[in-house]
């Protein structure tokens, strides 16, 4: 059990952030041991073949199996609430060499050759590591990031509303079963860390995660704002596919492709993602989405660089009616 002392300034400086770099780090654990994360098996089945075609070894070597302790320098605290991957990698490559070596000294097991090079020359090794993370992210995470980002944004909104209604005490006590705030002490049930620390006014950064699994990850004793990473809700919906083909009657009215797209939009998605899931070209999907939007059945909105589509209330009513 880790006991974290929180003062008045810490409680006043609780904030949320989303981290694409952390999602890449956590997802390596799924790739290394997919059967341990059954809710992510559909993702691992799709990402695995793409990763087999690229070289991401400097990154993969860094995440031990099992990954109960992850080097802190590979997932620095996000500097903003919604950093890009490039912004987080810019922080990673400037990690002080002594911190890199200290983290590698704590890594269990023999040190692979790539990590030996990183230990010997941290600045050069971090540059190679950043390149490998970009390759990995583009192959395995980027195709799903718009959908993941939407789910994580929703989790942040839920947390912010809870904090507004119940205060920081209510927020932290409803965050996760492994976290409890008792008086001024945050009790965090961790696999491999115990003891007592005080944050001394640094505050706490709460980062919801898709790939983190059911447990909590912390980064409290290195640099930057202390971080607590906790599982987002409803992550299994990210990889859901319809249980049946688009309703035949609805397909006769809208056309089978447009009916299928409506069913796929149970969770907001981008044109590219829909094209991959429905085995269509992006141009074809775009044409059908335009028709559905003109009919008032879908709406588009931007999150960061991505344009996502979602069903409208009219589409929801139409789908409910078709299922009766």
Protein backbone atom coordinates (compact mmCIF):
# COMPACT_ATOMS: atom_id res chain seq x y z
CA UNK A 1 0.00 0.00 0.00
CA UNK A 2 1.35 3.42 -0.98
CA UNK A 3 0.27 6.28 1.27
CA UNK A 4 0.44 9.72 -0.33
CA UNK A 5 0.14 12.73 1.95
CA UNK A 6 -1.90 15.52 0.39
CA UNK A 7 -1.82 19.04 1.74
CA UNK A 8 -4.17 21.93 0.98
CA UNK A 9 -2.04 23.07 -1.97
CA UNK A 10 -1.99 19.53 -3.39
CA UNK A 11 -5.78 19.27 -3.25
CA UNK A 12 -6.08 22.69 -4.91
CA UNK A 13 -3.75 21.59 -7.71
CA UNK A 14 -5.48 18.42 -8.91
CA UNK A 15 -5.89 18.40 -12.69
CA UNK A 16 -6.57 16.00 -15.58
CA UNK A 17 -4.61 15.20 -18.73
CA UNK A 18 -4.63 12.72 -21.60
CA UNK A 19 -1.36 11.15 -22.78
CA UNK A 20 -0.83 9.55 -26.21
CA UNK A 21 2.72 8.59 -25.18
CA UNK A 22 1.48 6.72 -22.13
CA UNK A 23 -1.08 4.86 -24.26
CA UNK A 24 1.75 3.71 -26.54
CA UNK A 25 3.78 2.56 -23.52
CA UNK A 26 0.86 0.75 -21.90
CA UNK A 27 -0.21 -0.87 -25.16
CA UNK A 28 3.18 -2.61 -25.48
CA UNK A 29 2.15 -4.63 -22.42
CA UNK A 30 -0.88 -5.83 -24.38
CA UNK A 31 1.21 -6.75 -27.43
CA UNK A 32 3.67 -8.65 -25.22
CA UNK A 33 0.95 -10.59 -23.40
CA UNK A 34 -2.41 -10.18 -25.21
CA UNK A 35 -4.16 -13.04 -23.37
CA UNK A 36 -3.76 -11.14 -20.13
CA UNK A 37 -5.86 -8.31 -21.58
CA UNK A 38 -8.84 -10.05 -23.20
CA UNK A 39 -10.79 -6.82 -23.69
CA UNK A 40 -8.02 -5.65 -26.04
CA UNK A 41 -7.62 -8.85 -28.07
CA UNK A 42 -9.44 -7.40 -31.12
CA UNK A 43 -6.98 -4.50 -31.13
CA UNK A 44 -3.95 -6.76 -30.66
CA UNK A 45 -5.10 -9.00 -33.52
CA UNK A 46 -5.22 -6.00 -35.86
CA UNK A 47 -2.10 -4.21 -34.60
CA UNK A 48 0.16 -7.26 -34.47
CA UNK A 49 0.52 -7.79 -38.24
CA UNK A 50 1.27 -4.09 -38.79
CA UNK A 51 3.94 -4.10 -36.09
CA UNK A 52 5.54 -7.17 -37.67
CA UNK A 53 6.36 -4.99 -40.68
CA UNK A 54 8.25 -2.24 -38.78
CA UNK A 55 11.26 -2.07 -36.43
CA UNK A 56 10.27 -0.82 -33.00
CA UNK A 57 12.75 -2.87 -30.94
CA UNK A 58 14.36 0.04 -29.01
CA UNK A 59 10.90 0.75 -27.61
CA UNK A 60 9.84 -2.84 -27.06
CA UNK A 61 13.07 -3.67 -25.21
CA UNK A 62 12.32 -0.94 -22.69
CA UNK A 63 9.05 -2.41 -21.42
CA UNK A 64 9.74 -5.50 -19.26
CA UNK A 65 7.52 -8.58 -19.15
CA UNK A 66 5.70 -8.53 -16.79
CA UNK A 67 5.64 -4.71 -16.82
CA UNK A 68 4.96 -4.00 -13.18
CA UNK A 69 7.63 -1.29 -13.10
CA UNK A 70 7.93 0.94 -16.16
CA UNK A 71 10.86 3.38 -16.47
CA UNK A 72 9.57 6.82 -15.50
CA UNK A 73 11.49 8.67 -18.22
CA UNK A 74 9.58 6.92 -21.00
CA UNK A 75 6.29 8.43 -19.80
CA UNK A 76 6.97 11.91 -18.39
CA UNK A 77 4.05 13.84 -16.88
CA UNK A 78 2.07 15.57 -19.66
CA UNK A 79 2.90 19.27 -19.70
CA UNK A 80 -0.58 20.23 -20.92
CA UNK A 81 -4.03 18.69 -20.61
CA UNK A 82 -4.00 17.48 -24.23
CA UNK A 83 -0.42 17.11 -25.44
CA UNK A 84 0.43 15.74 -28.86
CA UNK A 85 2.74 12.77 -29.17
CA UNK A 86 5.45 15.06 -30.53
CA UNK A 87 5.21 17.36 -27.51
CA UNK A 88 5.61 14.41 -25.15
CA UNK A 89 8.53 13.02 -27.15
CA UNK A 90 10.20 16.42 -26.96
CA UNK A 91 10.11 16.08 -23.18
CA UNK A 92 11.37 12.50 -23.34
CA UNK A 93 14.50 13.30 -25.37
CA UNK A 94 15.55 15.98 -22.87
CA UNK A 95 15.51 13.59 -19.89
CA UNK A 96 18.67 14.08 -17.78
CA UNK A 97 21.14 11.21 -18.33
CA UNK A 98 21.39 10.42 -14.62
CA UNK A 99 17.62 9.86 -14.45
CA UNK A 100 17.75 7.54 -17.48
CA UNK A 101 20.51 5.47 -15.91
CA UNK A 102 18.78 5.38 -12.52
CA UNK A 103 15.59 4.06 -14.12
CA UNK A 104 17.48 1.45 -16.15
CA UNK A 105 19.28 0.30 -13.02
CA UNK A 106 15.88 -0.59 -11.52
CA UNK A 107 14.74 -2.59 -14.55
CA UNK A 108 14.60 -6.31 -13.71
CA UNK A 109 16.39 -8.96 -15.74
CA UNK A 110 19.34 -8.77 -18.14
CA UNK A 111 19.77 -5.59 -20.14
CA UNK A 112 19.27 -6.00 -23.94
CA UNK A 113 21.93 -4.60 -26.23
CA UNK A 114 19.75 -1.66 -27.25
CA UNK A 115 19.29 -0.63 -23.64
CA UNK A 116 23.01 -1.00 -23.02
CA UNK A 117 23.55 1.61 -25.75
CA UNK A 118 20.92 3.84 -24.15
CA UNK A 119 22.66 3.51 -20.79
CA UNK A 120 26.06 4.33 -22.28
CA UNK A 121 24.88 7.39 -24.25
CA UNK A 122 21.45 8.58 -23.05
CA UNK A 123 21.05 11.58 -25.43
CA UNK A 124 21.71 9.50 -28.56
CA UNK A 125 19.73 6.58 -27.19
CA UNK A 126 16.71 8.77 -26.37
CA UNK A 127 16.68 10.12 -29.92
CA UNK A 128 16.60 6.56 -31.28
CA UNK A 129 13.92 5.65 -28.75
CA UNK A 130 11.73 8.57 -29.84
CA UNK A 131 12.00 7.44 -33.46
CA UNK A 132 10.99 3.90 -32.50
CA UNK A 133 8.01 5.19 -30.52
CA UNK A 134 6.85 7.19 -33.55
CA UNK A 135 7.06 4.09 -35.72
CA UNK A 136 5.17 2.03 -33.15
CA UNK A 137 2.49 4.67 -32.59
CA UNK A 138 1.85 5.16 -36.31
CA UNK A 139 1.44 1.42 -36.84
CA UNK A 140 -0.48 0.39 -33.74
CA UNK A 141 -2.15 3.37 -32.05
CA UNK A 142 -2.69 6.18 -34.57
CA UNK A 143 -5.43 4.36 -36.54
CA UNK A 144 -7.48 4.18 -33.32
CA UNK A 145 -6.38 7.38 -31.60
CA UNK A 146 -9.42 9.50 -32.63
CA UNK A 147 -11.76 6.98 -31.03
CA UNK A 148 -9.51 6.52 -27.99
CA UNK A 149 -9.18 10.27 -27.58
CA UNK A 150 -12.95 10.69 -27.60
CA UNK A 151 -13.36 8.07 -24.88
CA UNK A 152 -10.59 9.62 -22.76
CA UNK A 153 -12.07 13.11 -23.20
CA UNK A 154 -15.36 11.73 -21.95
CA UNK A 155 -13.60 10.28 -18.90
CA UNK A 156 -12.02 13.65 -18.14
CA UNK A 157 -15.41 15.35 -18.46
CA UNK A 158 -16.98 12.82 -16.07
CA UNK A 159 -14.18 13.42 -13.56
CA UNK A 160 -14.43 17.20 -13.86
CA UNK A 161 -18.18 17.10 -13.28
CA UNK A 162 -17.73 14.80 -10.29
CA UNK A 163 -15.14 17.14 -8.81
CA UNK A 164 -17.46 20.11 -9.34
CA UNK A 165 -20.32 18.32 -7.60
CA UNK A 166 -18.54 16.28 -4.89
CA UNK A 167 -15.23 18.07 -4.47
CA UNK A 168 -11.77 16.57 -4.72
CA UNK A 169 -12.54 14.17 -1.87
CA UNK A 170 -15.55 12.75 -3.72
CA UNK A 171 -13.62 12.58 -7.00
CA UNK A 172 -10.68 10.61 -5.58
CA UNK A 173 -12.90 8.21 -3.64
CA UNK A 174 -14.87 7.35 -6.77
CA UNK A 175 -11.91 7.21 -9.12
CA UNK A 176 -11.01 3.53 -8.78
CA UNK A 177 -11.41 0.68 -6.24
CA UNK A 178 -7.64 0.71 -5.64
CA UNK A 179 -7.65 4.39 -4.58
CA UNK A 180 -9.06 5.85 -1.36
CA UNK A 181 -8.66 9.27 0.24
CA UNK A 182 -8.83 9.05 4.05
CA UNK A 183 -8.45 12.42 5.78
CA UNK A 184 -5.37 13.90 4.09
CA UNK A 185 -3.83 10.60 2.93
CA UNK A 186 -4.40 9.04 -0.45
CA UNK A 187 -4.11 5.26 -0.17
CA UNK A 188 -3.12 3.57 -3.43
CA UNK A 189 -3.01 -0.23 -3.67
CA UNK A 190 -0.10 -1.03 -6.00
CA UNK A 191 1.54 -4.29 -7.06
CA UNK A 192 5.14 -3.40 -6.32
CA UNK A 193 5.33 -0.11 -4.44
CA UNK A 194 4.64 0.66 -0.81
CA UNK A 195 5.61 3.27 1.73
CA UNK A 196 4.70 6.86 2.51
CA UNK A 197 5.38 10.00 0.47
CA UNK A 198 4.25 13.61 0.67
CA UNK A 199 3.66 15.75 -2.40
CA UNK A 200 4.50 19.03 -0.60
CA UNK A 201 2.27 21.22 -2.75
CA UNK A 202 3.07 19.69 -6.14
CA UNK A 203 -0.53 18.60 -6.65
CA UNK A 204 -1.66 15.53 -8.51
CA UNK A 205 -2.12 14.89 -12.23
CA UNK A 206 -4.89 12.39 -13.02
CA UNK A 207 -4.48 10.58 -16.36
CA UNK A 208 -7.21 8.18 -17.52
CA UNK A 209 -5.90 5.35 -19.66
CA UNK A 210 -7.23 2.88 -22.22
CA UNK A 211 -4.42 0.32 -22.18
CA UNK A 212 -3.39 0.54 -18.53
CA UNK A 213 -5.54 -2.39 -17.42
CA UNK A 214 -7.52 -2.49 -14.16
CA UNK A 215 -4.68 -1.37 -11.89
CA UNK A 216 -3.20 2.00 -10.99
CA UNK A 217 0.17 3.35 -12.16
CA UNK A 218 1.92 6.16 -10.33
CA UNK A 219 4.93 8.37 -10.97
CA UNK A 220 5.50 10.37 -7.81
CA UNK A 221 9.20 10.61 -7.12
CA UNK A 222 11.12 11.75 -10.20
CA UNK A 223 10.38 15.07 -11.88
CA UNK A 224 7.39 17.09 -12.98
CA UNK A 225 3.97 16.95 -11.37
CA UNK A 226 3.16 13.66 -9.59
CA UNK A 227 0.97 11.43 -11.77
CA UNK A 228 -1.72 8.88 -11.03
CA UNK A 229 -2.89 6.88 -14.07
CA UNK A 230 -6.21 5.09 -13.71
CA UNK A 231 -8.37 2.97 -16.04
CA UNK A 232 -11.00 4.75 -18.10
CA UNK A 233 -14.48 3.28 -18.18
CA UNK A 234 -16.07 1.37 -21.06
CA UNK A 235 -12.78 0.65 -22.86
CA UNK A 236 -14.24 -2.60 -24.22
CA UNK A 237 -16.58 -0.58 -26.44
CA UNK A 238 -13.60 0.71 -28.43
CA UNK A 239 -13.19 -2.58 -30.28
CA UNK A 240 -16.82 -3.69 -30.47
CA UNK A 241 -18.18 -4.79 -33.79
CA UNK A 242 -21.88 -5.10 -34.52
CA UNK A 243 -23.32 -8.41 -33.32
CA UNK A 244 -25.34 -8.75 -36.50
CA UNK A 245 -25.47 -7.19 -39.98
CA UNK A 246 -27.29 -3.92 -40.44
CA UNK A 247 -31.04 -4.37 -40.09
CA UNK A 248 -32.46 -5.59 -43.41
CA UNK A 249 -35.50 -3.31 -43.28
CA UNK A 250 -33.36 -0.28 -42.45
CA UNK A 251 -30.99 -1.27 -45.23
CA UNK A 252 -33.83 -1.27 -47.74
CA UNK A 253 -34.64 2.33 -46.75
CA UNK A 254 -31.17 3.80 -46.40
CA UNK A 255 -29.09 1.35 -48.38
CA UNK A 256 -27.05 -1.38 -46.76
CA UNK A 257 -23.81 0.63 -46.59
CA UNK A 258 -25.40 3.63 -44.89
CA UNK A 259 -27.24 1.38 -42.44
CA UNK A 260 -23.97 -0.37 -41.63
CA UNK A 261 -22.22 2.95 -41.06
CA UNK A 262 -24.92 4.02 -38.64
CA UNK A 263 -24.50 0.82 -36.68
CA UNK A 264 -20.71 1.28 -36.62
CA UNK A 265 -21.13 4.79 -35.20
CA UNK A 266 -22.25 3.47 -31.82
CA UNK A 267 -18.98 5.16 -30.78
CA UNK A 268 -17.76 8.26 -32.71
CA UNK A 269 -15.24 7.42 -35.42
CA UNK A 270 -13.26 9.01 -38.23
CA UNK A 271 -13.70 8.41 -41.95
CA UNK A 272 -10.43 6.47 -42.08
CA UNK A 273 -11.40 4.23 -39.19
CA UNK A 274 -14.83 3.51 -40.65
CA UNK A 275 -13.26 2.69 -44.01
CA UNK A 276 -10.97 0.11 -42.40
CA UNK A 277 -13.70 -1.46 -40.31
CA UNK A 278 -16.24 -1.65 -43.15
CA UNK A 279 -13.76 -2.62 -45.90
CA UNK A 280 -14.58 0.47 -47.94
CA UNK A 281 -12.52 3.26 -49.45
CA UNK A 282 -12.31 6.51 -47.52
CA UNK A 283 -13.92 8.31 -50.46
CA UNK A 284 -16.91 5.98 -50.44
CA UNK A 285 -17.37 6.39 -46.69
CA UNK A 286 -17.11 10.18 -47.03
CA UNK A 287 -19.85 10.25 -49.69
CA UNK A 288 -22.21 8.17 -47.55
CA UNK A 289 -21.47 10.22 -44.42
CA UNK A 290 -22.24 13.41 -46.34
CA UNK A 291 -25.62 11.98 -47.34
CA UNK A 292 -26.33 10.89 -43.76
CA UNK A 293 -25.31 14.28 -42.44
CA UNK A 294 -27.53 16.09 -44.95
CA UNK A 295 -30.40 13.89 -43.74
CA UNK A 296 -29.73 14.86 -40.12
CA UNK A 297 -28.61 11.36 -39.07
CA UNK A 298 -24.94 12.05 -38.31
CA UNK A 299 -22.96 15.06 -37.21
CA UNK A 300 -19.25 15.83 -37.45
CA UNK A 301 -17.05 17.50 -34.87
CA UNK A 302 -13.33 18.04 -34.39
CA UNK A 303 -11.17 16.73 -31.58
CA UNK A 304 -7.60 17.91 -32.04
CA UNK A 305 -6.55 17.19 -35.64
CA UNK A 306 -9.32 14.67 -36.22
CA UNK A 307 -12.84 14.99 -37.61
CA UNK A 308 -15.12 12.47 -35.94
CA UNK A 309 -18.66 11.49 -36.86
CA UNK A 310 -21.40 10.56 -34.41
CA UNK A 311 -25.05 9.56 -34.63
CA UNK A 312 -27.69 12.19 -33.94
CA UNK A 313 -30.78 11.73 -31.79
CA UNK A 314 -32.79 11.19 -34.99
CA UNK A 315 -30.49 8.30 -35.96
CA UNK A 316 -30.78 6.77 -32.51
CA UNK A 317 -34.58 6.87 -32.74
CA UNK A 318 -34.43 5.36 -36.23
CA UNK A 319 -32.25 2.48 -35.04
CA UNK A 320 -34.46 1.80 -32.04
CA UNK A 321 -37.50 1.73 -34.28
CA UNK A 322 -35.82 -0.66 -36.70
CA UNK A 323 -35.07 -3.11 -33.88
CA UNK A 324 -38.68 -3.42 -32.77
